[in-house]
């Protein structure tokens, strides 16, 4: 499941949870809300589990979603830190 092609879907999921809703996450990530929603829906389909309970402008996590978030939140932060570090070391 967690091959590189699925990492972005999990990353979007983590960012939605961090942001509190899809709209805020889309602003931070620079992608449309519909793209994020499609990625999360595809991830839920692949996992055969609902991750997020959607309301008008907020979300709540299912138990499965809470477990996935706890598992990947720290990894996402570490990857972001590493990417930032590598970008700072690149000299053109």
PDB file of N, CA and C in Angstrom:
ATOM      1  N   UNK A   1       0.812  -1.212   0.000  1.00  0.00           N
ATOM      2  CA  UNK A   1       0.000   0.000   0.000  1.00  0.00           C
ATOM      3  C   UNK A   1       0.848   1.266   0.000  1.00  0.00           C
ATOM      4  N   UNK A   2       1.864   1.372   0.834  1.00  0.00           N
ATOM      5  CA  UNK A   2       2.538   2.640   1.004  1.00  0.00           C
ATOM      6  C   UNK A   2       3.744   2.799   0.099  1.00  0.00           C
ATOM      7  N   UNK A   3       3.563   2.381  -1.132  1.00  0.00           N
ATOM      8  CA  UNK A   3       4.560   2.688  -2.143  1.00  0.00           C
ATOM      9  C   UNK A   3       4.517   4.189  -2.398  1.00  0.00           C
ATOM     10  N   UNK A   4       5.483   4.701  -3.090  1.00  0.00           N
ATOM     11  CA  UNK A   4       5.581   6.149  -3.277  1.00  0.00           C
ATOM     12  C   UNK A   4       4.336   6.754  -3.913  1.00  0.00           C
ATOM     13  N   UNK A   5       3.644   6.009  -4.743  1.00  0.00           N
ATOM     14  CA  UNK A   5       2.467   6.577  -5.395  1.00  0.00           C
ATOM     15  C   UNK A   5       1.341   6.857  -4.406  1.00  0.00           C
ATOM     16  N   UNK A   6       1.359   6.212  -3.247  1.00  0.00           N
ATOM     17  CA  UNK A   6       0.329   6.452  -2.246  1.00  0.00           C
ATOM     18  C   UNK A   6       0.770   7.459  -1.198  1.00  0.00           C
ATOM     19  N   UNK A   7       2.044   7.775  -1.164  1.00  0.00           N
ATOM     20  CA  UNK A   7       2.516   8.692  -0.139  1.00  0.00           C
ATOM     21  C   UNK A   7       1.813  10.041  -0.245  1.00  0.00           C
ATOM     22  N   UNK A   8       1.649  10.558  -1.451  1.00  0.00           N
ATOM     23  CA  UNK A   8       1.010  11.862  -1.617  1.00  0.00           C
ATOM     24  C   UNK A   8      -0.417  11.838  -1.083  1.00  0.00           C
ATOM     25  N   UNK A   9      -1.140  10.748  -1.297  1.00  0.00           N
ATOM     26  CA  UNK A   9      -2.502  10.644  -0.778  1.00  0.00           C
ATOM     27  C   UNK A   9      -2.498  10.695   0.747  1.00  0.00           C
ATOM     28  N   UNK A  10      -1.578   9.970   1.372  1.00  0.00           N
ATOM     29  CA  UNK A  10      -1.468   9.972   2.834  1.00  0.00           C
ATOM     30  C   UNK A  10      -1.012  11.352   3.305  1.00  0.00           C
ATOM     31  N   UNK A  11      -0.093  11.962   2.578  1.00  0.00           N
ATOM     32  CA  UNK A  11       0.382  13.300   2.921  1.00  0.00           C
ATOM     33  C   UNK A  11      -0.766  14.303   2.877  1.00  0.00           C
ATOM     34  N   UNK A  12      -1.592  14.261   1.848  1.00  0.00           N
ATOM     35  CA  UNK A  12      -2.756  15.140   1.764  1.00  0.00           C
ATOM     36  C   UNK A  12      -3.698  14.892   2.943  1.00  0.00           C
ATOM     37  N   UNK A  13      -3.910  13.629   3.282  1.00  0.00           N
ATOM     38  CA  UNK A  13      -4.756  13.288   4.414  1.00  0.00           C
ATOM     39  C   UNK A  13      -4.209  13.927   5.699  1.00  0.00           C
ATOM     40  N   UNK A  14      -2.926  13.785   5.941  1.00  0.00           N
ATOM     41  CA  UNK A  14      -2.306  14.356   7.140  1.00  0.00           C
ATOM     42  C   UNK A  14      -2.469  15.875   7.142  1.00  0.00           C
ATOM     43  N   UNK A  15      -2.275  16.510   6.009  1.00  0.00           N
ATOM     44  CA  UNK A  15      -2.398  17.966   5.930  1.00  0.00           C
ATOM     45  C   UNK A  15      -3.834  18.434   6.156  1.00  0.00           C
ATOM     46  N   UNK A  16      -4.801  17.679   5.698  1.00  0.00           N
ATOM     47  CA  UNK A  16      -6.197  18.027   5.954  1.00  0.00           C
ATOM     48  C   UNK A  16      -6.476  17.961   7.454  1.00  0.00           C
ATOM     49  N   UNK A  17      -6.004  16.919   8.089  1.00  0.00           N
ATOM     50  CA  UNK A  17      -6.204  16.788   9.532  1.00  0.00           C
ATOM     51  C   UNK A  17      -5.493  17.933  10.258  1.00  0.00           C
ATOM     52  N   UNK A  18      -4.258  18.217   9.889  1.00  0.00           N
ATOM     53  CA  UNK A  18      -3.514  19.312  10.518  1.00  0.00           C
ATOM     54  C   UNK A  18      -4.227  20.654  10.338  1.00  0.00           C
ATOM     55  N   UNK A  19      -4.816  20.860   9.169  1.00  0.00           N
ATOM     56  CA  UNK A  19      -5.452  22.137   8.834  1.00  0.00           C
ATOM     57  C   UNK A  19      -6.873  22.258   9.367  1.00  0.00           C
ATOM     58  N   UNK A  20      -7.511  21.135   9.608  1.00  0.00           N
ATOM     59  CA  UNK A  20      -8.877  21.168  10.127  1.00  0.00           C
ATOM     60  C   UNK A  20      -9.955  21.032   9.076  1.00  0.00           C
ATOM     61  N   UNK A  21      -9.602  21.270   7.823  1.00  0.00           N
ATOM     62  CA  UNK A  21     -10.574  21.071   6.738  1.00  0.00           C
ATOM     63  C   UNK A  21      -9.858  21.075   5.390  1.00  0.00           C
ATOM     64  N   UNK A  22     -10.582  20.650   4.381  1.00  0.00           N
ATOM     65  CA  UNK A  22     -10.008  20.510   3.035  1.00  0.00           C
ATOM     66  C   UNK A  22      -9.634  21.866   2.452  1.00  0.00           C
ATOM     67  N   UNK A  23     -10.473  22.871   2.663  1.00  0.00           N
ATOM     68  CA  UNK A  23     -10.204  24.196   2.100  1.00  0.00           C
ATOM     69  C   UNK A  23      -8.905  24.795   2.601  1.00  0.00           C
ATOM     70  N   UNK A  24      -8.693  24.724   3.893  1.00  0.00           N
ATOM     71  CA  UNK A  24      -7.452  25.264   4.469  1.00  0.00           C
ATOM     72  C   UNK A  24      -6.238  24.478   3.979  1.00  0.00           C
ATOM     73  N   UNK A  25      -6.377  23.176   3.890  1.00  0.00           N
ATOM     74  CA  UNK A  25      -5.267  22.344   3.395  1.00  0.00           C
ATOM     75  C   UNK A  25      -4.957  22.681   1.940  1.00  0.00           C
ATOM     76  N   UNK A  26      -5.988  22.921   1.150  1.00  0.00           N
ATOM     77  CA  UNK A  26      -5.750  23.222  -0.265  1.00  0.00           C
ATOM     78  C   UNK A  26      -4.977  24.522  -0.427  1.00  0.00           C
ATOM     79  N   UNK A  27      -5.249  25.510   0.421  1.00  0.00           N
ATOM     80  CA  UNK A  27      -4.491  26.769   0.372  1.00  0.00           C
ATOM     81  C   UNK A  27      -3.035  26.532   0.723  1.00  0.00           C
ATOM     82  N   UNK A  28      -2.779  25.745   1.756  1.00  0.00           N
ATOM     83  CA  UNK A  28      -1.407  25.481   2.200  1.00  0.00           C
ATOM     84  C   UNK A  28      -0.624  24.669   1.172  1.00  0.00           C
ATOM     85  N   UNK A  29      -1.324  23.746   0.505  1.00  0.00           N
ATOM     86  CA  UNK A  29      -0.651  22.845  -0.435  1.00  0.00           C
ATOM     87  C   UNK A  29      -0.606  23.383  -1.864  1.00  0.00           C
ATOM     88  N   UNK A  30      -1.438  24.382  -2.151  1.00  0.00           N
ATOM     89  CA  UNK A  30      -1.462  24.940  -3.497  1.00  0.00           C
ATOM     90  C   UNK A  30      -2.131  24.044  -4.526  1.00  0.00           C
ATOM     91  N   UNK A  31      -3.094  23.242  -4.071  1.00  0.00           N
ATOM     92  CA  UNK A  31      -3.878  22.402  -4.981  1.00  0.00           C
ATOM     93  C   UNK A  31      -5.351  22.645  -4.697  1.00  0.00           C
ATOM     94  N   UNK A  32      -6.192  22.272  -5.636  1.00  0.00           N
ATOM     95  CA  UNK A  32      -7.621  22.526  -5.470  1.00  0.00           C
ATOM     96  C   UNK A  32      -8.231  21.617  -4.403  1.00  0.00           C
ATOM     97  N   UNK A  33      -9.282  22.095  -3.744  1.00  0.00           N
ATOM     98  CA  UNK A  33      -9.981  21.250  -2.784  1.00  0.00           C
ATOM     99  C   UNK A  33     -10.493  19.954  -3.406  1.00  0.00           C
ATOM    100  N   UNK A  34     -10.921  20.033  -4.663  1.00  0.00           N
ATOM    101  CA  UNK A  34     -11.438  18.817  -5.302  1.00  0.00           C
ATOM    102  C   UNK A  34     -10.340  17.780  -5.509  1.00  0.00           C
ATOM    103  N   UNK A  35      -9.128  18.231  -5.790  1.00  0.00           N
ATOM    104  CA  UNK A  35      -8.002  17.296  -5.923  1.00  0.00           C
ATOM    105  C   UNK A  35      -7.745  16.583  -4.611  1.00  0.00           C
ATOM    106  N   UNK A  36      -7.713  17.341  -3.521  1.00  0.00           N
ATOM    107  CA  UNK A  36      -7.491  16.739  -2.210  1.00  0.00           C
ATOM    108  C   UNK A  36      -8.615  15.764  -1.873  1.00  0.00           C
ATOM    109  N   UNK A  37      -9.843  16.164  -2.112  1.00  0.00           N
ATOM    110  CA  UNK A  37     -10.983  15.285  -1.816  1.00  0.00           C
ATOM    111  C   UNK A  37     -10.906  13.990  -2.610  1.00  0.00           C
ATOM    112  N   UNK A  38     -10.535  14.094  -3.883  1.00  0.00           N
ATOM    113  CA  UNK A  38     -10.406  12.890  -4.719  1.00  0.00           C
ATOM    114  C   UNK A  38      -9.296  11.976  -4.213  1.00  0.00           C
ATOM    115  N   UNK A  39      -8.168  12.567  -3.814  1.00  0.00           N
ATOM    116  CA  UNK A  39      -7.054  11.764  -3.304  1.00  0.00           C
ATOM    117  C   UNK A  39      -7.441  11.036  -2.022  1.00  0.00           C
ATOM    118  N   UNK A  40      -8.134  11.717  -1.128  1.00  0.00           N
ATOM    119  CA  UNK A  40      -8.539  11.086   0.126  1.00  0.00           C
ATOM    120  C   UNK A  40      -9.588  10.008  -0.140  1.00  0.00           C
ATOM    121  N   UNK A  41     -10.519  10.277  -1.043  1.00  0.00           N
ATOM    122  CA  UNK A  41     -11.528   9.267  -1.392  1.00  0.00           C
ATOM    123  C   UNK A  41     -10.863   8.029  -1.998  1.00  0.00           C
ATOM    124  N   UNK A  42      -9.851   8.239  -2.839  1.00  0.00           N
ATOM    125  CA  UNK A  42      -9.133   7.111  -3.434  1.00  0.00           C
ATOM    126  C   UNK A  42      -8.383   6.323  -2.362  1.00  0.00           C
ATOM    127  N   UNK A  43      -7.796   7.025  -1.402  1.00  0.00           N
ATOM    128  CA  UNK A  43      -7.093   6.363  -0.305  1.00  0.00           C
ATOM    129  C   UNK A  43      -8.069   5.544   0.538  1.00  0.00           C
ATOM    130  N   UNK A  44      -9.236   6.115   0.819  1.00  0.00           N
ATOM    131  CA  UNK A  44     -10.252   5.384   1.577  1.00  0.00           C
ATOM    132  C   UNK A  44     -10.703   4.138   0.823  1.00  0.00           C
ATOM    133  N   UNK A  45     -10.857   4.274  -0.477  1.00  0.00           N
ATOM    134  CA  UNK A  45     -11.255   3.119  -1.279  1.00  0.00           C
ATOM    135  C   UNK A  45     -10.170   2.042  -1.246  1.00  0.00           C
ATOM    136  N   UNK A  46      -8.917   2.455  -1.386  1.00  0.00           N
ATOM    137  CA  UNK A  46      -7.807   1.505  -1.372  1.00  0.00           C
ATOM    138  C   UNK A  46      -7.709   0.801  -0.018  1.00  0.00           C
ATOM    139  N   UNK A  47      -7.908   1.549   1.061  1.00  0.00           N
ATOM    140  CA  UNK A  47      -7.827   0.989   2.405  1.00  0.00           C
ATOM    141  C   UNK A  47      -9.102   0.258   2.834  1.00  0.00           C
ATOM    142  N   UNK A  48     -10.163   0.471   2.043  1.00  0.00           N
ATOM    143  CA  UNK A  48     -11.480  -0.121   2.350  1.00  0.00           C
ATOM    144  C   UNK A  48     -11.969   0.302   3.729  1.00  0.00           C
ATOM    145  N   UNK A  49     -11.684   1.564   4.057  1.00  0.00           N
ATOM    146  CA  UNK A  49     -12.107   2.140   5.328  1.00  0.00           C
ATOM    147  C   UNK A  49     -12.305   3.634   5.168  1.00  0.00           C
ATOM    148  N   UNK A  50     -13.339   4.149   5.803  1.00  0.00           N
ATOM    149  CA  UNK A  50     -13.540   5.590   5.853  1.00  0.00           C
ATOM    150  C   UNK A  50     -12.536   6.174   6.838  1.00  0.00           C
ATOM    151  N   UNK A  51     -11.904   7.273   6.457  1.00  0.00           N
ATOM    152  CA  UNK A  51     -10.914   7.926   7.301  1.00  0.00           C
ATOM    153  C   UNK A  51     -11.483   9.172   7.973  1.00  0.00           C
ATOM    154  N   UNK A  52     -12.325   9.870   7.228  1.00  0.00           N
ATOM    155  CA  UNK A  52     -12.826  11.178   7.663  1.00  0.00           C
ATOM    156  C   UNK A  52     -14.341  11.202   7.585  1.00  0.00           C
ATOM    157  N   UNK A  53     -14.953  11.756   8.633  1.00  0.00           N
ATOM    158  CA  UNK A  53     -16.378  12.082   8.590  1.00  0.00           C
ATOM    159  C   UNK A  53     -16.444  13.547   8.163  1.00  0.00           C
ATOM    160  N   UNK A  54     -17.113  13.800   7.061  1.00  0.00           N
ATOM    161  CA  UNK A  54     -17.146  15.145   6.504  1.00  0.00           C
ATOM    162  C   UNK A  54     -18.418  15.870   6.934  1.00  0.00           C
ATOM    163  N   UNK A  55     -18.238  17.122   7.374  1.00  0.00           N
ATOM    164  CA  UNK A  55     -19.344  18.029   7.651  1.00  0.00           C
ATOM    165  C   UNK A  55     -19.229  19.179   6.670  1.00  0.00           C
ATOM    166  N   UNK A  56     -20.036  20.206   6.836  1.00  0.00           N
ATOM    167  CA  UNK A  56     -19.986  21.326   5.889  1.00  0.00           C
ATOM    168  C   UNK A  56     -18.595  21.939   5.782  1.00  0.00           C
ATOM    169  N   UNK A  57     -18.016  22.329   6.908  1.00  0.00           N
ATOM    170  CA  UNK A  57     -16.715  23.003   6.843  1.00  0.00           C
ATOM    171  C   UNK A  57     -15.712  22.433   7.833  1.00  0.00           C
ATOM    172  N   UNK A  58     -15.987  21.270   8.345  1.00  0.00           N
ATOM    173  CA  UNK A  58     -15.045  20.670   9.288  1.00  0.00           C
ATOM    174  C   UNK A  58     -15.011  19.166   9.083  1.00  0.00           C
ATOM    175  N   UNK A  59     -14.069  18.541   9.742  1.00  0.00           N
ATOM    176  CA  UNK A  59     -13.917  17.097   9.628  1.00  0.00           C
ATOM    177  C   UNK A  59     -13.778  16.494  11.018  1.00  0.00           C
ATOM    178  N   UNK A  60     -14.048  15.231  11.110  1.00  0.00           N
ATOM    179  CA  UNK A  60     -13.683  14.458  12.293  1.00  0.00           C
ATOM    180  C   UNK A  60     -13.170  13.122  11.777  1.00  0.00           C
ATOM    181  N   UNK A  61     -12.278  12.538  12.532  1.00  0.00           N
ATOM    182  CA  UNK A  61     -11.651  11.295  12.096  1.00  0.00           C
ATOM    183  C   UNK A  61     -12.393  10.084  12.635  1.00  0.00           C
ATOM    184  N   UNK A  62     -12.447   9.070  11.813  1.00  0.00           N
ATOM    185  CA  UNK A  62     -12.916   7.778  12.284  1.00  0.00           C
ATOM    186  C   UNK A  62     -11.787   7.174  13.123  1.00  0.00           C
ATOM    187  N   UNK A  63     -12.045   6.090  13.784  1.00  0.00           N
ATOM    188  CA  UNK A  63     -10.990   5.430  14.553  1.00  0.00           C
ATOM    189  C   UNK A  63      -9.843   5.017  13.626  1.00  0.00           C
ATOM    190  N   UNK A  64     -10.188   4.490  12.459  1.00  0.00           N
ATOM    191  CA  UNK A  64      -9.171   4.094  11.482  1.00  0.00           C
ATOM    192  C   UNK A  64      -8.353   5.313  11.048  1.00  0.00           C
ATOM    193  N   UNK A  65      -9.056   6.427  10.804  1.00  0.00           N
ATOM    194  CA  UNK A  65      -8.380   7.663  10.421  1.00  0.00           C
ATOM    195  C   UNK A  65      -7.448   8.167  11.509  1.00  0.00           C
ATOM    196  N   UNK A  66      -7.863   8.067  12.767  1.00  0.00           N
ATOM    197  CA  UNK A  66      -7.004   8.474  13.884  1.00  0.00           C
ATOM    198  C   UNK A  66      -5.726   7.640  13.918  1.00  0.00           C
ATOM    199  N   UNK A  67      -5.878   6.339  13.713  1.00  0.00           N
ATOM    200  CA  UNK A  67      -4.704   5.457  13.720  1.00  0.00           C
ATOM    201  C   UNK A  67      -3.753   5.776  12.566  1.00  0.00           C
ATOM    202  N   UNK A  68      -4.309   5.996  11.381  1.00  0.00           N
ATOM    203  CA  UNK A  68      -3.474   6.329  10.231  1.00  0.00           C
ATOM    204  C   UNK A  68      -2.763   7.660  10.468  1.00  0.00           C
ATOM    205  N   UNK A  69      -3.490   8.641  10.981  1.00  0.00           N
ATOM    206  CA  UNK A  69      -2.896   9.950  11.242  1.00  0.00           C
ATOM    207  C   UNK A  69      -1.748   9.834  12.241  1.00  0.00           C
ATOM    208  N   UNK A  70      -1.968   9.145  13.337  1.00  0.00           N
ATOM    209  CA  UNK A  70      -0.904   8.977  14.345  1.00  0.00           C
ATOM    210  C   UNK A  70       0.320   8.289  13.741  1.00  0.00           C
ATOM    211  N   UNK A  71       0.080   7.338  12.864  1.00  0.00           N
ATOM    212  CA  UNK A  71       1.189   6.590  12.261  1.00  0.00           C
ATOM    213  C   UNK A  71       2.016   7.422  11.293  1.00  0.00           C
ATOM    214  N   UNK A  72       1.396   8.365  10.598  1.00  0.00           N
ATOM    215  CA  UNK A  72       2.089   9.064   9.522  1.00  0.00           C
ATOM    216  C   UNK A  72       2.357  10.535   9.778  1.00  0.00           C
ATOM    217  N   UNK A  73       1.836  11.100  10.833  1.00  0.00           N
ATOM    218  CA  UNK A  73       2.066  12.517  11.114  1.00  0.00           C
ATOM    219  C   UNK A  73       3.556  12.802  11.307  1.00  0.00           C
ATOM    220  N   UNK A  74       4.195  12.057  12.149  1.00  0.00           N
ATOM    221  CA  UNK A  74       5.606  12.290  12.437  1.00  0.00           C
ATOM    222  C   UNK A  74       6.474  12.044  11.200  1.00  0.00           C
ATOM    223  N   UNK A  75       6.138  11.016  10.436  1.00  0.00           N
ATOM    224  CA  UNK A  75       6.891  10.724   9.211  1.00  0.00           C
ATOM    225  C   UNK A  75       6.781  11.893   8.240  1.00  0.00           C
ATOM    226  N   UNK A  76       5.583  12.464   8.114  1.00  0.00           N
ATOM    227  CA  UNK A  76       5.385  13.595   7.208  1.00  0.00           C
ATOM    228  C   UNK A  76       6.243  14.783   7.614  1.00  0.00           C
ATOM    229  N   UNK A  77       6.306  15.060   8.897  1.00  0.00           N
ATOM    230  CA  UNK A  77       7.122  16.172   9.390  1.00  0.00           C
ATOM    231  C   UNK A  77       8.595  15.919   9.096  1.00  0.00           C
ATOM    232  N   UNK A  78       9.051  14.709   9.344  1.00  0.00           N
ATOM    233  CA  UNK A  78      10.454  14.386   9.092  1.00  0.00           C
ATOM    234  C   UNK A  78      10.799  14.512   7.614  1.00  0.00           C
ATOM    235  N   UNK A  79       9.912  14.082   6.742  1.00  0.00           N
ATOM    236  CA  UNK A  79      10.167  14.202   5.300  1.00  0.00           C
ATOM    237  C   UNK A  79      10.208  15.670   4.893  1.00  0.00           C
ATOM    238  N   UNK A  80       9.277  16.475   5.402  1.00  0.00           N
ATOM    239  CA  UNK A  80       9.288  17.905   5.095  1.00  0.00           C
ATOM    240  C   UNK A  80      10.596  18.550   5.566  1.00  0.00           C
ATOM    241  N   UNK A  81      11.032  18.204   6.771  1.00  0.00           N
ATOM    242  CA  UNK A  81      12.289  18.741   7.296  1.00  0.00           C
ATOM    243  C   UNK A  81      13.469  18.339   6.416  1.00  0.00           C
ATOM    244  N   UNK A  82      13.488  17.094   5.990  1.00  0.00           N
ATOM    245  CA  UNK A  82      14.570  16.610   5.137  1.00  0.00           C
ATOM    246  C   UNK A  82      14.577  17.334   3.795  1.00  0.00           C
ATOM    247  N   UNK A  83      13.405  17.500   3.202  1.00  0.00           N
ATOM    248  CA  UNK A  83      13.316  18.197   1.913  1.00  0.00           C
ATOM    249  C   UNK A  83      13.800  19.637   2.062  1.00  0.00           C
ATOM    250  N   UNK A  84      13.374  20.302   3.133  1.00  0.00           N
ATOM    251  CA  UNK A  84      13.836  21.659   3.392  1.00  0.00           C
ATOM    252  C   UNK A  84      15.339  21.732   3.554  1.00  0.00           C
ATOM    253  N   UNK A  85      15.891  20.786   4.278  1.00  0.00           N
ATOM    254  CA  UNK A  85      17.337  20.719   4.476  1.00  0.00           C
ATOM    255  C   UNK A  85      18.049  20.541   3.136  1.00  0.00           C
ATOM    256  N   UNK A  86      17.577  19.604   2.335  1.00  0.00           N
ATOM    257  CA  UNK A  86      18.217  19.338   1.044  1.00  0.00           C
ATOM    258  C   UNK A  86      18.120  20.551   0.118  1.00  0.00           C
ATOM    259  N   UNK A  87      16.993  21.228   0.134  1.00  0.00           N
ATOM    260  CA  UNK A  87      16.840  22.415  -0.705  1.00  0.00           C
ATOM    261  C   UNK A  87      17.829  23.502  -0.270  1.00  0.00           C
ATOM    262  N   UNK A  88      18.048  23.614   1.026  1.00  0.00           N
ATOM    263  CA  UNK A  88      18.978  24.641   1.516  1.00  0.00           C
ATOM    264  C   UNK A  88      20.424  24.317   1.145  1.00  0.00           C
ATOM    265  N   UNK A  89      20.718  23.055   0.862  1.00  0.00           N
ATOM    266  CA  UNK A  89      22.071  22.648   0.510  1.00  0.00           C
ATOM    267  C   UNK A  89      22.330  22.717  -0.985  1.00  0.00           C
ATOM    268  N   UNK A  90      21.297  22.834  -1.777  1.00  0.00           N
ATOM    269  CA  UNK A  90      21.452  22.876  -3.239  1.00  0.00           C
ATOM    270  C   UNK A  90      21.924  24.261  -3.670  1.00  0.00           C
ATOM    271  N   UNK A  91      22.959  24.263  -4.434  1.00  0.00           N
ATOM    272  CA  UNK A  91      23.499  25.510  -4.959  1.00  0.00           C
ATOM    273  C   UNK A  91      23.543  25.377  -6.474  1.00  0.00           C
ATOM    274  N   UNK A  92      22.943  26.317  -7.157  1.00  0.00           N
ATOM    275  CA  UNK A  92      22.904  26.255  -8.616  1.00  0.00           C
ATOM    276  C   UNK A  92      24.144  26.813  -9.218  1.00  0.00           C
TER     277      UNK A  92
END
